C-alpha atoms as a PDB file:
ATOM      1  CA  MET A   1     -13.877   0.292 -20.454  1.00  0.00           C
ATOM      2  CA  LYS A   2     -13.093   3.706 -18.751  1.00  0.00           C
ATOM      3  CA  SER A   3      -9.844   5.328 -19.820  1.00  0.00           C
ATOM      4  CA  ARG A   4      -6.735   4.537 -18.162  1.00  0.00           C
ATOM      5  CA  THR A   5      -5.494   8.046 -18.669  1.00  0.00           C
ATOM      6  CA  GLY A   6      -8.124   9.479 -16.291  1.00  0.00           C
ATOM      7  CA  LEU A   7      -6.981   7.305 -13.058  1.00  0.00           C
ATOM      8  CA  ARG A   8      -3.301   8.432 -13.642  1.00  0.00           C
ATOM      9  CA  THR A   9      -4.316  11.001 -11.626  1.00  0.00           C
ATOM     10  CA  MET A  10      -5.026   9.117  -8.617  1.00  0.00           C
ATOM     11  CA  THR A  11      -2.830   9.903  -5.479  1.00  0.00           C
ATOM     12  CA  GLY A  12      -0.735   7.389  -3.776  1.00  0.00           C
ATOM     13  CA  ARG A  13      -1.203   3.699  -4.028  1.00  0.00           C
ATOM     14  CA  LEU A  14      -4.449   3.825  -5.848  1.00  0.00           C
ATOM     15  CA  GLY A  15      -2.375   5.641  -8.969  1.00  0.00           C
ATOM     16  CA  ALA A  16      -0.155   2.736  -8.930  1.00  0.00           C
ATOM     17  CA  LEU A  17      -2.745   0.114  -9.469  1.00  0.00           C
ATOM     18  CA  SER A  18      -1.836  -2.362 -12.075  1.00  0.00           C
ATOM     19  CA  ASP A  19      -3.838  -2.213 -15.405  1.00  0.00           C
ATOM     20  CA  GLU A  20      -5.861  -5.293 -14.385  1.00  0.00           C
ATOM     21  CA  HIS A  21      -6.984  -3.924 -11.052  1.00  0.00           C
ATOM     22  CA  HIS A  22      -7.601  -0.295 -12.495  1.00  0.00           C
ATOM     23  CA  ASP A  23     -10.185  -2.224 -15.028  1.00  0.00           C
ATOM     24  CA  ARG A  24     -11.737  -4.023 -12.606  1.00  0.00           C
ATOM     25  CA  LEU A  25     -12.329  -1.072 -10.339  1.00  0.00           C
ATOM     26  CA  MET A  26     -13.237   1.123 -13.250  1.00  0.00           C
ATOM     27  CA  ALA A  27     -15.973  -1.553 -14.477  1.00  0.00           C
ATOM     28  CA  LEU A  28     -17.646  -0.430 -11.538  1.00  0.00           C
ATOM     29  CA  ALA A  29     -17.391   3.345 -11.887  1.00  0.00           C
ATOM     30  CA  ARG A  30     -20.003   5.754 -12.835  1.00  0.00           C
ATOM     31  CA  GLU A  31     -19.329   9.372 -13.709  1.00  0.00           C
ATOM     32  CA  VAL A  32     -21.155  12.052 -11.914  1.00  0.00           C
ATOM     33  CA  SER A  33     -21.405  15.705 -11.497  1.00  0.00           C
ATOM     34  CA  PHE A  34     -22.267  17.808  -8.207  1.00  0.00           C
ATOM     35  CA  PRO A  35     -22.664  21.591  -7.687  1.00  0.00           C
ATOM     36  CA  ALA A  36     -20.286  23.682  -5.444  1.00  0.00           C
ATOM     37  CA  GLY A  37     -21.491  24.041  -1.661  1.00  0.00           C
ATOM     38  CA  ALA A  38     -23.807  20.944  -1.477  1.00  0.00           C
ATOM     39  CA  ARG A  39     -22.870  18.442   1.213  1.00  0.00           C
ATOM     40  CA  MET A  40     -21.802  15.119  -0.001  1.00  0.00           C
ATOM     41  CA  PHE A  41     -22.474  13.413   3.483  1.00  0.00           C
ATOM     42  CA  GLU A  42     -22.412  13.742   7.482  1.00  0.00           C
ATOM     43  CA  GLU A  43     -20.685  12.088  10.174  1.00  0.00           C
ATOM     44  CA  HIS A  44     -22.218   9.161  11.471  1.00  0.00           C
ATOM     45  CA  CYS A  45     -24.494   8.750   8.628  1.00  0.00           C
ATOM     46  CA  SER A  46     -24.508   5.444   6.102  1.00  0.00           C
ATOM     47  CA  ALA A  47     -21.537   4.942   3.936  1.00  0.00           C
ATOM     48  CA  ASP A  48     -22.610   3.191   1.045  1.00  0.00           C
ATOM     49  CA  ARG A  49     -20.476   4.513  -1.647  1.00  0.00           C
ATOM     50  CA  PHE A  50     -17.309   6.342  -2.393  1.00  0.00           C
ATOM     51  CA  TRP A  51     -15.731   8.634  -5.048  1.00  0.00           C
ATOM     52  CA  ILE A  52     -12.592   9.528  -7.118  1.00  0.00           C
ATOM     53  CA  ILE A  53     -12.343  13.274  -7.922  1.00  0.00           C
ATOM     54  CA  ARG A  54     -12.062  14.067 -11.580  1.00  0.00           C
ATOM     55  CA  SER A  55     -12.158  17.985 -11.281  1.00  0.00           C
ATOM     56  CA  GLY A  56     -13.236  20.307  -8.406  1.00  0.00           C
ATOM     57  CA  GLY A  57     -12.745  20.312  -4.734  1.00  0.00           C
ATOM     58  CA  VAL A  58     -14.063  18.663  -1.679  1.00  0.00           C
ATOM     59  CA  ASN A  59     -13.563  19.895   2.024  1.00  0.00           C
ATOM     60  CA  LEU A  60     -13.408  17.110   4.819  1.00  0.00           C
ATOM     61  CA  ASP A  61     -14.761  18.296   7.943  1.00  0.00           C
ATOM     62  CA  LEU A  62     -15.166  17.354  11.603  1.00  0.00           C
ATOM     63  CA  HIS A  63     -17.790  18.274  13.932  1.00  0.00           C
ATOM     64  CA  VAL A  64     -16.413  20.040  17.198  1.00  0.00           C
ATOM     65  CA  PRO A  65     -18.966  20.421  19.746  1.00  0.00           C
ATOM     66  CA  GLY A  66     -19.650  24.088  20.623  1.00  0.00           C
ATOM     67  CA  ARG A  67     -17.746  25.370  17.153  1.00  0.00           C
ATOM     68  CA  ARG A  68     -18.156  25.337  13.356  1.00  0.00           C
ATOM     69  CA  SER A  69     -17.173  22.169  11.924  1.00  0.00           C
ATOM     70  CA  ALA A  70     -13.195  22.065  11.301  1.00  0.00           C
ATOM     71  CA  VAL A  71     -11.980  21.512   8.038  1.00  0.00           C
ATOM     72  CA  ILE A  72      -9.488  18.865   7.975  1.00  0.00           C
ATOM     73  CA  GLU A  73      -8.119  18.461   4.190  1.00  0.00           C
ATOM     74  CA  THR A  74      -9.163  19.826   0.832  1.00  0.00           C
ATOM     75  CA  LEU A  75      -9.198  17.139  -1.593  1.00  0.00           C
ATOM     76  CA  GLY A  76      -8.663  17.744  -5.215  1.00  0.00           C
ATOM     77  CA  GLN A  77      -8.337  15.653  -8.440  1.00  0.00           C
ATOM     78  CA  GLY A  78      -7.116  12.255  -8.217  1.00  0.00           C
ATOM     79  CA  ASP A  79      -8.159  11.991  -4.407  1.00  0.00           C
ATOM     80  CA  LEU A  80     -10.519   9.264  -2.892  1.00  0.00           C
ATOM     81  CA  VAL A  81     -13.512  10.724  -1.058  1.00  0.00           C
ATOM     82  CA  GLY A  82     -14.725   8.201   1.547  1.00  0.00           C
ATOM     83  CA  TRP A  83     -13.282   5.187   2.960  1.00  0.00           C
ATOM     84  CA  SER A  84     -15.915   4.452   5.822  1.00  0.00           C
ATOM     85  CA  TRP A  85     -17.751   2.258   3.639  1.00  0.00           C
ATOM     86  CA  LEU A  86     -14.927  -0.489   3.723  1.00  0.00           C
ATOM     87  CA  PHE A  87     -15.505  -1.246   7.889  1.00  0.00           C
ATOM     88  CA  PRO A  88     -18.735  -1.872   9.877  1.00  0.00           C
ATOM     89  CA  PRO A  89     -20.500   0.000  10.822  1.00  0.00           C
ATOM     90  CA  ARG A  90     -20.226   1.632   7.630  1.00  0.00           C
ATOM     91  CA  ALA A  91     -20.914   5.119   8.795  1.00  0.00           C
ATOM     92  CA  TRP A  92     -19.061   8.486   7.787  1.00  0.00           C
ATOM     93  CA  HIS A  93     -16.265   9.214  10.223  1.00  0.00           C
ATOM     94  CA  LEU A  94     -15.921  12.878   8.511  1.00  0.00           C
ATOM     95  CA  GLY A  95     -18.279  14.996   6.862  1.00  0.00           C
ATOM     96  CA  ALA A  96     -17.765  16.484   3.225  1.00  0.00           C
ATOM     97  CA  GLU A  97     -18.733  19.429   1.371  1.00  0.00           C
ATOM     98  CA  ARG A  98     -18.062  20.553  -2.092  1.00  0.00           C
ATOM     99  CA  GLN A  99     -15.766  23.342  -2.458  1.00  0.00           C
ATOM    100  CA  SER A 100     -16.519  23.607  -6.048  1.00  0.00           C
ATOM    101  CA  PRO A 101     -18.446  22.084  -8.916  1.00  0.00           C
ATOM    102  CA  VAL A 102     -17.174  18.393  -8.632  1.00  0.00           C
ATOM    103  CA  ARG A 103     -16.952  15.755 -11.263  1.00  0.00           C
ATOM    104  CA  ALA A 104     -15.977  12.282 -10.215  1.00  0.00           C
ATOM    105  CA  TRP A 105     -16.229   8.874 -10.439  1.00  0.00           C
ATOM    106  CA  GLU A 106     -18.670   7.103  -7.964  1.00  0.00           C
ATOM    107  CA  PHE A 107     -18.451   3.291  -6.618  1.00  0.00           C
ATOM    108  CA  ASP A 108     -21.261   1.348  -5.176  1.00  0.00           C
ATOM    109  CA  ALA A 109     -19.446   0.232  -1.896  1.00  0.00           C
ATOM    110  CA  ALA A 110     -21.147  -3.297  -1.795  1.00  0.00           C
ATOM    111  CA  ALA A 111     -20.082  -3.986  -5.585  1.00  0.00           C
ATOM    112  CA  VAL A 112     -16.513  -2.949  -4.614  1.00  0.00           C
ATOM    113  CA  ARG A 113     -16.703  -5.092  -1.598  1.00  0.00           C
ATOM    114  CA  ALA A 114     -17.980  -7.984  -3.420  1.00  0.00           C
ATOM    115  CA  VAL A 115     -15.175  -8.112  -6.050  1.00  0.00           C
ATOM    116  CA  CYS A 116     -12.669  -7.642  -3.131  1.00  0.00           C
ATOM    117  CA  ARG A 117     -14.305 -10.915  -1.747  1.00  0.00           C
ATOM    118  CA  GLU A 118     -14.026 -12.679  -5.230  1.00  0.00           C
ATOM    119  CA  ASN A 119     -10.686 -11.402  -6.062  1.00  0.00           C
ATOM    120  CA  PRO A 120      -8.196 -11.494  -3.005  1.00  0.00           C
ATOM    121  CA  GLU A 121      -5.336 -10.198  -5.030  1.00  0.00           C
ATOM    122  CA  PHE A 122      -7.534  -7.236  -6.059  1.00  0.00           C
ATOM    123  CA  GLY A 123      -9.034  -6.906  -2.714  1.00  0.00           C
ATOM    124  CA  TYR A 124      -5.257  -7.029  -0.981  1.00  0.00           C
ATOM    125  CA  VAL A 125      -4.208  -4.301  -3.241  1.00  0.00           C
ATOM    126  CA  PHE A 126      -7.231  -1.801  -3.072  1.00  0.00           C
ATOM    127  CA  VAL A 127      -7.646  -2.153   0.602  1.00  0.00           C
ATOM    128  CA  LEU A 128      -3.781  -1.433   1.149  1.00  0.00           C
ATOM    129  CA  ALA A 129      -4.406   1.773  -0.955  1.00  0.00           C
ATOM    130  CA  CYS A 130      -7.365   2.655   1.105  1.00  0.00           C
ATOM    131  CA  ALA A 131      -5.336   1.801   4.187  1.00  0.00           C
ATOM    132  CA  GLU A 132      -2.513   4.606   2.861  1.00  0.00           C
ATOM    133  CA  VAL A 133      -5.585   7.242   2.450  1.00  0.00           C
ATOM    134  CA  ILE A 134      -6.699   6.430   6.046  1.00  0.00           C
ATOM    135  CA  GLY A 135      -3.294   6.702   7.683  1.00  0.00           C
ATOM    136  CA  HIS A 136      -3.002  10.109   5.693  1.00  0.00           C
ATOM    137  CA  ARG A 137      -6.653  11.421   6.805  1.00  0.00           C
ATOM    138  CA  LEU A 138      -5.906  10.435  10.445  1.00  0.00           C
ATOM    139  CA  GLU A 139      -2.596  12.440  10.427  1.00  0.00           C
ATOM    140  CA  GLN A 140      -4.061  15.675   8.753  1.00  0.00           C
ATOM    141  CA  ALA A 141      -7.044  15.589  11.318  1.00  0.00           C
ATOM    142  CA  ARG A 142      -4.442  15.316  14.253  1.00  0.00           C
ATOM    143  CA  VAL A 143      -2.590  17.936  12.782  1.00  0.00           C
ATOM    144  CA  ARG A 144      -5.434  20.379  11.780  1.00  0.00           C
ATOM    145  CA  LEU A 145      -7.101  19.896  15.274  1.00  0.00           C
ATOM    146  CA  LEU A 146      -3.992  20.711  17.223  1.00  0.00           C
ATOM    147  CA  ASP A 147      -3.205  23.796  14.859  1.00  0.00           C
ATOM    148  CA  LEU A 148      -6.787  24.927  15.599  1.00  0.00           C
ATOM    149  CA  TYR A 149      -7.317  24.048  19.180  1.00  0.00           C
ATOM    150  CA  GLY A 150      -3.871  22.923  20.704  1.00  0.00           C
ATOM    151  CA  PRO A 151      -1.201  25.010  22.502  1.00  0.00           C
ATOM    152  CA  TYR A 152       1.084  26.980  20.212  1.00  0.00           C
ATOM    153  CA  GLY A 153       3.620  24.792  18.280  1.00  0.00           C
ATOM    154  CA  SER A 154       1.954  21.490  19.127  1.00  0.00           C
ATOM    155  CA  GLY A 155       1.419  20.287  15.608  1.00  0.00           C
ATOM    156  CA  LEU A 156       3.813  18.096  13.614  1.00  0.00           C
ATOM    157  CA  PRO A 157       7.136  19.726  11.980  1.00  0.00           C
ATOM    158  CA  ARG A 158       6.142  20.480   8.427  1.00  0.00           C
END
């Protein structure tokens, strides 16, 4: 079983998983490492896994036609990378690039969805935690795009 202390760094509702739910999730984890600068995934490609960052940084970006991709958010220790695997058509909504060397826990999406189906209580808690991440990412994307391309002062108050 993976150490409980490592997941204490998870952000939001994921960090508040009960010991039982934590253990259920971590039973599916595998430790991975990636070099800096490499792409993790591209928009519209198949989403079949997700990660929780142990160390390092990942930039989430959005393709903007006729311009460079816009970095929407930079993720770090404890952050969930990827939620598109939850919903059909299971294709990434954003792209991701490693800002620095990354160590993470990697999860096979099909295995996590199966555990969610088999244990509805875990599924509810886990999907609710992912929904919190989705809401935050949508707000970050909106604010960042307004900062980059909207009229002056159009972003949300900080």
